[in-house]
Amino acid sequence: MTVGLNAFLIVAGLLFAVGLLGVTLRQNTLVIYMSLELMLNAVNLAFVAFSRYNGTMDGNLFVFFIITVAAAEVALGLAIIVALFRRRQSVMVDQLNALSH
């Protein structure tokens, strides 16, 4: 039994939708950040599915570069969130409405 392109795209769409709901409905910056990463991984899944369906390595190459950039993004994003928590003692979005304090 082989899994077709439609199944991969449905899973990628569901992952992206869950991530989008997390970004729009949550107030915690860590949960928002994880939801953004979930959306990024949904796009990666779609790239790999299209690459497998077409029989090329183009999508896999994009995914490799996206994961490389995402690793740097995670380090920088978490550093920013830790700095915000140390300064404001909160990671809730509604309490982080101004740049200075």
C-alpha atoms as a PDB file:
ATOM      1  CA  MET A   1       0.000   0.000   0.000  1.00  0.00           C
ATOM      2  CA  THR A   2       1.420   3.355  -1.009  1.00  0.00           C
ATOM      3  CA  VAL A   3       0.456   6.672   0.444  1.00  0.00           C
ATOM      4  CA  GLY A   4      -0.492   9.196  -2.198  1.00  0.00           C
ATOM      5  CA  LEU A   5       0.229  12.884  -2.493  1.00  0.00           C
ATOM      6  CA  ASN A   6      -3.253  13.791  -1.256  1.00  0.00           C
ATOM      7  CA  ALA A   7      -2.667  12.199   2.138  1.00  0.00           C
ATOM      8  CA  PHE A   8       0.564  14.121   2.659  1.00  0.00           C
ATOM      9  CA  LEU A   9      -1.053  17.393   1.616  1.00  0.00           C
ATOM     10  CA  ILE A  10      -4.040  16.811   3.889  1.00  0.00           C
ATOM     11  CA  VAL A  11      -1.736  16.187   6.864  1.00  0.00           C
ATOM     12  CA  ALA A  12       0.349  19.249   5.952  1.00  0.00           C
ATOM     13  CA  GLY A  13      -2.819  21.351   5.668  1.00  0.00           C
ATOM     14  CA  LEU A  14      -4.087  20.135   9.039  1.00  0.00           C
ATOM     15  CA  LEU A  15      -0.721  20.858  10.687  1.00  0.00           C
ATOM     16  CA  PHE A  16      -0.690  24.329   9.155  1.00  0.00           C
ATOM     17  CA  ALA A  17      -4.268  24.969  10.333  1.00  0.00           C
ATOM     18  CA  VAL A  18      -3.436  23.880  13.886  1.00  0.00           C
ATOM     19  CA  GLY A  19      -0.402  26.167  13.853  1.00  0.00           C
ATOM     20  CA  LEU A  20      -2.454  29.064  12.518  1.00  0.00           C
ATOM     21  CA  LEU A  21      -5.051  28.565  15.235  1.00  0.00           C
ATOM     22  CA  GLY A  22      -2.286  28.513  17.843  1.00  0.00           C
ATOM     23  CA  VAL A  23      -0.854  31.789  16.552  1.00  0.00           C
ATOM     24  CA  THR A  24      -4.196  33.569  16.409  1.00  0.00           C
ATOM     25  CA  LEU A  25      -5.805  32.275  19.607  1.00  0.00           C
ATOM     26  CA  ARG A  26      -2.997  31.992  22.151  1.00  0.00           C
ATOM     27  CA  GLN A  27      -1.489  34.708  24.335  1.00  0.00           C
ATOM     28  CA  ASN A  28       1.688  32.984  25.499  1.00  0.00           C
ATOM     29  CA  THR A  29       4.708  33.848  23.345  1.00  0.00           C
ATOM     30  CA  LEU A  30       6.209  30.366  23.749  1.00  0.00           C
ATOM     31  CA  VAL A  31       3.026  28.716  22.452  1.00  0.00           C
ATOM     32  CA  ILE A  32       2.874  31.216  19.587  1.00  0.00           C
ATOM     33  CA  TYR A  33       6.483  30.439  18.753  1.00  0.00           C
ATOM     34  CA  MET A  34       5.828  26.686  18.781  1.00  0.00           C
ATOM     35  CA  SER A  35       2.799  27.234  16.552  1.00  0.00           C
ATOM     36  CA  LEU A  36       4.941  29.154  14.064  1.00  0.00           C
ATOM     37  CA  GLU A  37       7.411  26.273  14.020  1.00  0.00           C
ATOM     38  CA  LEU A  38       4.532  23.851  13.434  1.00  0.00           C
ATOM     39  CA  MET A  39       3.440  25.912  10.439  1.00  0.00           C
ATOM     40  CA  LEU A  40       7.002  25.889   9.110  1.00  0.00           C
ATOM     41  CA  ASN A  41       7.164  22.102   9.435  1.00  0.00           C
ATOM     42  CA  ALA A  42       3.831  21.754   7.633  1.00  0.00           C
ATOM     43  CA  VAL A  43       5.322  23.634   4.689  1.00  0.00           C
ATOM     44  CA  ASN A  44       8.390  21.392   4.860  1.00  0.00           C
ATOM     45  CA  LEU A  45       6.143  18.331   4.692  1.00  0.00           C
ATOM     46  CA  ALA A  46       4.406  19.728   1.622  1.00  0.00           C
ATOM     47  CA  PHE A  47       7.771  20.428  -0.040  1.00  0.00           C
ATOM     48  CA  VAL A  48       8.946  16.867   0.585  1.00  0.00           C
ATOM     49  CA  ALA A  49       5.627  15.430  -0.641  1.00  0.00           C
ATOM     50  CA  PHE A  50       5.791  17.393  -3.893  1.00  0.00           C
ATOM     51  CA  SER A  51       9.429  16.442  -4.313  1.00  0.00           C
ATOM     52  CA  ARG A  52       8.610  12.754  -3.889  1.00  0.00           C
ATOM     53  CA  TYR A  53       5.619  13.017  -6.221  1.00  0.00           C
ATOM     54  CA  ASN A  54       7.659  14.701  -8.966  1.00  0.00           C
ATOM     55  CA  GLY A  55      10.658  12.417  -8.497  1.00  0.00           C
ATOM     56  CA  THR A  56      13.117  15.277  -8.017  1.00  0.00           C
ATOM     57  CA  MET A  57      15.241  16.478  -5.128  1.00  0.00           C
ATOM     58  CA  ASP A  58      14.239  20.148  -5.395  1.00  0.00           C
ATOM     59  CA  GLY A  59      11.813  20.077  -2.456  1.00  0.00           C
ATOM     60  CA  ASN A  60      14.290  18.192  -0.312  1.00  0.00           C
ATOM     61  CA  LEU A  61      16.913  20.827  -1.045  1.00  0.00           C
ATOM     62  CA  PHE A  62      14.518  23.593   0.018  1.00  0.00           C
ATOM     63  CA  VAL A  63      13.724  21.699   3.217  1.00  0.00           C
ATOM     64  CA  PHE A  64      17.424  21.336   4.009  1.00  0.00           C
ATOM     65  CA  PHE A  65      17.943  25.095   3.774  1.00  0.00           C
ATOM     66  CA  ILE A  66      14.724  25.851   5.662  1.00  0.00           C
ATOM     67  CA  ILE A  67      15.759  23.578   8.542  1.00  0.00           C
ATOM     68  CA  THR A  68      19.197  25.199   8.608  1.00  0.00           C
ATOM     69  CA  VAL A  69      17.686  28.680   8.856  1.00  0.00           C
ATOM     70  CA  ALA A  70      15.074  27.474  11.364  1.00  0.00           C
ATOM     71  CA  ALA A  71      17.804  26.253  13.716  1.00  0.00           C
ATOM     72  CA  ALA A  72      19.262  29.750  13.858  1.00  0.00           C
ATOM     73  CA  GLU A  73      15.762  31.196  14.183  1.00  0.00           C
ATOM     74  CA  VAL A  74      15.010  28.982  17.189  1.00  0.00           C
ATOM     75  CA  ALA A  75      18.158  30.061  18.994  1.00  0.00           C
ATOM     76  CA  LEU A  76      17.496  33.749  18.343  1.00  0.00           C
ATOM     77  CA  GLY A  77      13.775  33.565  19.087  1.00  0.00           C
ATOM     78  CA  LEU A  78      14.222  31.767  22.376  1.00  0.00           C
ATOM     79  CA  ALA A  79      16.941  34.230  23.385  1.00  0.00           C
ATOM     80  CA  ILE A  80      14.534  37.105  22.729  1.00  0.00           C
ATOM     81  CA  ILE A  81      11.769  35.407  24.716  1.00  0.00           C
ATOM     82  CA  VAL A  82      14.141  34.763  27.656  1.00  0.00           C
ATOM     83  CA  ALA A  83      15.290  38.412  27.562  1.00  0.00           C
ATOM     84  CA  LEU A  84      11.675  39.595  27.565  1.00  0.00           C
ATOM     85  CA  PHE A  85      10.859  37.349  30.511  1.00  0.00           C
ATOM     86  CA  ARG A  86      13.864  38.581  32.484  1.00  0.00           C
ATOM     87  CA  ARG A  87      12.911  42.199  31.877  1.00  0.00           C
ATOM     88  CA  ARG A  88       9.117  42.002  32.279  1.00  0.00           C
ATOM     89  CA  GLN A  89       8.634  38.779  34.316  1.00  0.00           C
ATOM     90  CA  SER A  90       5.977  37.667  31.829  1.00  0.00           C
ATOM     91  CA  VAL A  91       5.712  36.028  28.424  1.00  0.00           C
ATOM     92  CA  MET A  92       2.067  36.935  27.820  1.00  0.00           C
ATOM     93  CA  VAL A  93       1.490  38.949  24.644  1.00  0.00           C
ATOM     94  CA  ASP A  94      -1.078  41.305  26.140  1.00  0.00           C
ATOM     95  CA  GLN A  95       1.443  42.376  28.808  1.00  0.00           C
ATOM     96  CA  LEU A  96       4.209  43.007  26.236  1.00  0.00           C
ATOM     97  CA  ASN A  97       2.520  45.867  24.406  1.00  0.00           C
ATOM     98  CA  ALA A  98       5.311  48.472  24.671  1.00  0.00           C
ATOM     99  CA  LEU A  99       8.982  48.350  23.712  1.00  0.00           C
ATOM    100  CA  SER A 100      10.220  50.246  26.749  1.00  0.00           C
ATOM    101  CA  HIS A 101       9.312  49.848  30.368  1.00  0.00           C
END
